[in-house]
Amino acid sequence: MTNQNNQASKADVQTTDLNKLPVPGQNDTEFSAEEAAEVFQENQSSASTAEK
């Protein structure tokens, strides 16, 4: 009796997204200090208007 019907093939396993190696830098978020300062200032101004 063979058990191969209940097992995934090597090709199936290798093409499954969960089994792929992560790509270095794929999830890196890059932003400049200027962009961060701008967003920070916008959040500060919206927070101060909401408190009034």
PDB file of N, CA and C in Angstrom:
ATOM      1  N   MET A   1       0.855  -1.184   0.000  1.00  0.00           N
ATOM      2  CA  MET A   1       0.000   0.000   0.000  1.00  0.00           C
ATOM      3  C   MET A   1       0.899   1.245   0.000  1.00  0.00           C
ATOM      4  N   THR A   2       0.685   2.120  -0.959  1.00  0.00           N
ATOM      5  CA  THR A   2       1.495   3.330  -1.038  1.00  0.00           C
ATOM      6  C   THR A   2       0.777   4.485  -0.364  1.00  0.00           C
ATOM      7  N   ASN A   3       1.564   5.417   0.092  1.00  0.00           N
ATOM      8  CA  ASN A   3       1.030   6.563   0.827  1.00  0.00           C
ATOM      9  C   ASN A   3       1.143   7.843   0.005  1.00  0.00           C
ATOM     10  N   GLN A   4       1.484   7.723  -1.260  1.00  0.00           N
ATOM     11  CA  GLN A   4       1.769   8.904  -2.060  1.00  0.00           C
ATOM     12  C   GLN A   4       0.531   9.715  -2.401  1.00  0.00           C
ATOM     13  N   ASN A   5      -0.625   9.135  -2.356  1.00  0.00           N
ATOM     14  CA  ASN A   5      -1.840   9.886  -2.663  1.00  0.00           C
ATOM     15  C   ASN A   5      -2.164  10.925  -1.594  1.00  0.00           C
ATOM     16  N   ASN A   6      -1.667  10.711  -0.390  1.00  0.00           N
ATOM     17  CA  ASN A   6      -1.957  11.622   0.713  1.00  0.00           C
ATOM     18  C   ASN A   6      -0.879  12.684   0.903  1.00  0.00           C
ATOM     19  N   GLN A   7       0.146  12.666   0.077  1.00  0.00           N
ATOM     20  CA  GLN A   7       1.257  13.592   0.252  1.00  0.00           C
ATOM     21  C   GLN A   7       1.331  14.557  -0.922  1.00  0.00           C
ATOM     22  N   ALA A   8       1.752  15.783  -0.612  1.00  0.00           N
ATOM     23  CA  ALA A   8       1.954  16.775  -1.664  1.00  0.00           C
ATOM     24  C   ALA A   8       3.225  16.447  -2.429  1.00  0.00           C
ATOM     25  N   SER A   9       3.222  16.775  -3.698  1.00  0.00           N
ATOM     26  CA  SER A   9       4.423  16.540  -4.496  1.00  0.00           C
ATOM     27  C   SER A   9       5.474  17.598  -4.164  1.00  0.00           C
ATOM     28  N   LYS A  10       6.688  17.334  -4.554  1.00  0.00           N
ATOM     29  CA  LYS A  10       7.774  18.278  -4.310  1.00  0.00           C
ATOM     30  C   LYS A  10       7.481  19.612  -4.994  1.00  0.00           C
ATOM     31  N   ALA A  11       6.924  19.572  -6.184  1.00  0.00           N
ATOM     32  CA  ALA A  11       6.591  20.804  -6.912  1.00  0.00           C
ATOM     33  C   ALA A  11       5.514  21.594  -6.177  1.00  0.00           C
ATOM     34  N   ASP A  12       4.530  20.898  -5.620  1.00  0.00           N
ATOM     35  CA  ASP A  12       3.479  21.582  -4.859  1.00  0.00           C
ATOM     36  C   ASP A  12       4.054  22.292  -3.640  1.00  0.00           C
ATOM     37  N   VAL A  13       4.946  21.620  -2.950  1.00  0.00           N
ATOM     38  CA  VAL A  13       5.540  22.205  -1.748  1.00  0.00           C
ATOM     39  C   VAL A  13       6.406  23.410  -2.106  1.00  0.00           C
ATOM     40  N   GLN A  14       7.194  23.300  -3.157  1.00  0.00           N
ATOM     41  CA  GLN A  14       8.106  24.377  -3.519  1.00  0.00           C
ATOM     42  C   GLN A  14       7.389  25.603  -4.059  1.00  0.00           C
ATOM     43  N   THR A  15       6.196  25.442  -4.599  1.00  0.00           N
ATOM     44  CA  THR A  15       5.481  26.588  -5.157  1.00  0.00           C
ATOM     45  C   THR A  15       4.483  27.193  -4.180  1.00  0.00           C
ATOM     46  N   THR A  16       4.382  26.634  -2.979  1.00  0.00           N
ATOM     47  CA  THR A  16       3.486  27.192  -1.965  1.00  0.00           C
ATOM     48  C   THR A  16       4.091  28.479  -1.424  1.00  0.00           C
ATOM     49  N   ASP A  17       3.291  29.554  -1.350  1.00  0.00           N
ATOM     50  CA  ASP A  17       3.793  30.856  -0.905  1.00  0.00           C
ATOM     51  C   ASP A  17       4.388  30.800   0.494  1.00  0.00           C
ATOM     52  N   LEU A  18       3.805  30.011   1.380  1.00  0.00           N
ATOM     53  CA  LEU A  18       4.307  29.959   2.751  1.00  0.00           C
ATOM     54  C   LEU A  18       5.676  29.298   2.846  1.00  0.00           C
ATOM     55  N   ASN A  19       6.074  28.557   1.840  1.00  0.00           N
ATOM     56  CA  ASN A  19       7.358  27.868   1.866  1.00  0.00           C
ATOM     57  C   ASN A  19       8.453  28.623   1.122  1.00  0.00           C
ATOM     58  N   LYS A  20       8.158  29.814   0.631  1.00  0.00           N
ATOM     59  CA  LYS A  20       9.167  30.578  -0.097  1.00  0.00           C
ATOM     60  C   LYS A  20      10.024  31.372   0.879  1.00  0.00           C
ATOM     61  N   LEU A  21      11.295  31.510   0.551  1.00  0.00           N
ATOM     62  CA  LEU A  21      12.199  32.302   1.373  1.00  0.00           C
ATOM     63  C   LEU A  21      11.868  33.781   1.210  1.00  0.00           C
ATOM     64  N   PRO A  22      11.996  34.552   2.279  1.00  0.00           N
ATOM     65  CA  PRO A  22      11.717  35.983   2.166  1.00  0.00           C
ATOM     66  C   PRO A  22      12.768  36.687   1.308  1.00  0.00           C
ATOM     67  N   VAL A  23      12.337  37.691   0.584  1.00  0.00           N
ATOM     68  CA  VAL A  23      13.241  38.481  -0.242  1.00  0.00           C
ATOM     69  C   VAL A  23      13.827  39.573   0.647  1.00  0.00           C
ATOM     70  N   PRO A  24      15.155  39.668   0.739  1.00  0.00           N
ATOM     71  CA  PRO A  24      15.743  40.702   1.593  1.00  0.00           C
ATOM     72  C   PRO A  24      15.311  42.098   1.154  1.00  0.00           C
ATOM     73  N   GLY A  25      14.843  42.884   2.103  1.00  0.00           N
ATOM     74  CA  GLY A  25      14.449  44.253   1.814  1.00  0.00           C
ATOM     75  C   GLY A  25      13.051  44.413   1.275  1.00  0.00           C
ATOM     76  N   GLN A  26      12.314  43.343   1.107  1.00  0.00           N
ATOM     77  CA  GLN A  26      10.979  43.437   0.519  1.00  0.00           C
ATOM     78  C   GLN A  26      10.026  44.203   1.427  1.00  0.00           C
ATOM     79  N   ASN A  27      10.148  44.015   2.723  1.00  0.00           N
ATOM     80  CA  ASN A  27       9.239  44.664   3.654  1.00  0.00           C
ATOM     81  C   ASN A  27       9.833  45.919   4.289  1.00  0.00           C
ATOM     82  N   ASP A  28      10.969  46.359   3.794  1.00  0.00           N
ATOM     83  CA  ASP A  28      11.579  47.570   4.342  1.00  0.00           C
ATOM     84  C   ASP A  28      10.750  48.787   3.970  1.00  0.00           C
ATOM     85  N   THR A  29      10.565  49.647   4.926  1.00  0.00           N
ATOM     86  CA  THR A  29       9.853  50.891   4.682  1.00  0.00           C
ATOM     87  C   THR A  29      10.883  52.011   4.703  1.00  0.00           C
ATOM     88  N   GLU A  30      10.991  52.703   3.599  1.00  0.00           N
ATOM     89  CA  GLU A  30      11.956  53.789   3.517  1.00  0.00           C
ATOM     90  C   GLU A  30      11.218  55.117   3.438  1.00  0.00           C
ATOM     91  N   PHE A  31      11.619  56.042   4.284  1.00  0.00           N
ATOM     92  CA  PHE A  31      11.087  57.391   4.203  1.00  0.00           C
ATOM     93  C   PHE A  31      12.144  58.336   4.737  1.00  0.00           C
ATOM     94  N   SER A  32      12.093  59.555   4.278  1.00  0.00           N
ATOM     95  CA  SER A  32      13.107  60.527   4.653  1.00  0.00           C
ATOM     96  C   SER A  32      12.731  61.206   5.959  1.00  0.00           C
ATOM     97  N   ALA A  33      13.699  61.852   6.565  1.00  0.00           N
ATOM     98  CA  ALA A  33      13.451  62.604   7.794  1.00  0.00           C
ATOM     99  C   ALA A  33      12.502  63.761   7.521  1.00  0.00           C
ATOM    100  N   GLU A  34      12.584  64.326   6.312  1.00  0.00           N
ATOM    101  CA  GLU A  34      11.688  65.432   5.960  1.00  0.00           C
ATOM    102  C   GLU A  34      10.234  64.959   5.921  1.00  0.00           C
ATOM    103  N   GLU A  35      10.015  63.790   5.339  1.00  0.00           N
ATOM    104  CA  GLU A  35       8.657  63.245   5.294  1.00  0.00           C
ATOM    105  C   GLU A  35       8.141  62.954   6.698  1.00  0.00           C
ATOM    106  N   ALA A  36       9.007  62.404   7.544  1.00  0.00           N
ATOM    107  CA  ALA A  36       8.603  62.093   8.914  1.00  0.00           C
ATOM    108  C   ALA A  36       8.261  63.366   9.670  1.00  0.00           C
ATOM    109  N   ALA A  37       9.057  64.418   9.491  1.00  0.00           N
ATOM    110  CA  ALA A  37       8.791  65.687  10.166  1.00  0.00           C
ATOM    111  C   ALA A  37       7.483  66.293   9.681  1.00  0.00           C
ATOM    112  N   GLU A  38       7.219  66.179   8.399  1.00  0.00           N
ATOM    113  CA  GLU A  38       5.981  66.728   7.840  1.00  0.00           C
ATOM    114  C   GLU A  38       4.754  66.012   8.419  1.00  0.00           C
ATOM    115  N   VAL A  39       4.801  64.704   8.474  1.00  0.00           N
ATOM    116  CA  VAL A  39       3.685  63.938   9.029  1.00  0.00           C
ATOM    117  C   VAL A  39       3.532  64.238  10.511  1.00  0.00           C
ATOM    118  N   PHE A  40       4.646  64.354  11.209  1.00  0.00           N
ATOM    119  CA  PHE A  40       4.590  64.665  12.636  1.00  0.00           C
ATOM    120  C   PHE A  40       3.937  66.022  12.862  1.00  0.00           C
ATOM    121  N   GLN A  41       4.300  67.011  12.052  1.00  0.00           N
ATOM    122  CA  GLN A  41       3.712  68.342  12.197  1.00  0.00           C
ATOM    123  C   GLN A  41       2.219  68.313  11.875  1.00  0.00           C
ATOM    124  N   GLU A  42       1.830  67.558  10.862  1.00  0.00           N
ATOM    125  CA  GLU A  42       0.407  67.448  10.524  1.00  0.00           C
ATOM    126  C   GLU A  42      -0.375  66.804  11.665  1.00  0.00           C
ATOM    127  N   ASN A  43       0.204  65.788  12.274  1.00  0.00           N
ATOM    128  CA  ASN A  43      -0.476  65.116  13.385  1.00  0.00           C
ATOM    129  C   ASN A  43      -0.554  66.022  14.605  1.00  0.00           C
ATOM    130  N   GLN A  44       0.470  66.810  14.830  1.00  0.00           N
ATOM    131  CA  GLN A  44       0.457  67.737  15.964  1.00  0.00           C
ATOM    132  C   GLN A  44      -0.604  68.807  15.761  1.00  0.00           C
ATOM    133  N   SER A  45      -0.709  69.332  14.539  1.00  0.00           N
ATOM    134  CA  SER A  45      -1.687  70.390  14.287  1.00  0.00           C
ATOM    135  C   SER A  45      -3.109  69.843  14.342  1.00  0.00           C
ATOM    136  N   SER A  46      -3.328  68.630  13.880  1.00  0.00           N
ATOM    137  CA  SER A  46      -4.678  68.061  13.945  1.00  0.00           C
ATOM    138  C   SER A  46      -5.037  67.701  15.382  1.00  0.00           C
ATOM    139  N   ALA A  47      -4.064  67.315  16.180  1.00  0.00           N
ATOM    140  CA  ALA A  47      -4.335  66.990  17.579  1.00  0.00           C
ATOM    141  C   ALA A  47      -4.662  68.250  18.365  1.00  0.00           C
ATOM    142  N   SER A  48      -3.994  69.348  18.054  1.00  0.00           N
ATOM    143  CA  SER A  48      -4.257  70.585  18.792  1.00  0.00           C
ATOM    144  C   SER A  48      -5.614  71.171  18.408  1.00  0.00           C
ATOM    145  N   THR A  49      -6.054  71.002  17.173  1.00  0.00           N
ATOM    146  CA  THR A  49      -7.376  71.508  16.783  1.00  0.00           C
ATOM    147  C   THR A  49      -8.477  70.619  17.346  1.00  0.00           C
ATOM    148  N   ALA A  50      -8.193  69.351  17.554  1.00  0.00           N
ATOM    149  CA  ALA A  50      -9.201  68.442  18.095  1.00  0.00           C
ATOM    150  C   ALA A  50      -9.419  68.680  19.585  1.00  0.00           C
ATOM    151  N   GLU A  51      -8.384  69.183  20.272  1.00  0.00           N
ATOM    152  CA  GLU A  51      -8.496  69.415  21.707  1.00  0.00           C
ATOM    153  C   GLU A  51      -9.304  70.660  22.024  1.00  0.00           C
ATOM    154  N   LYS A  52      -9.398  71.572  21.078  1.00  0.00           N
ATOM    155  CA  LYS A  52     -10.089  72.845  21.343  1.00  0.00           C
ATOM    156  C   LYS A  52     -11.576  72.692  21.364  1.00  0.00           C
TER     157      LYS A  52
END
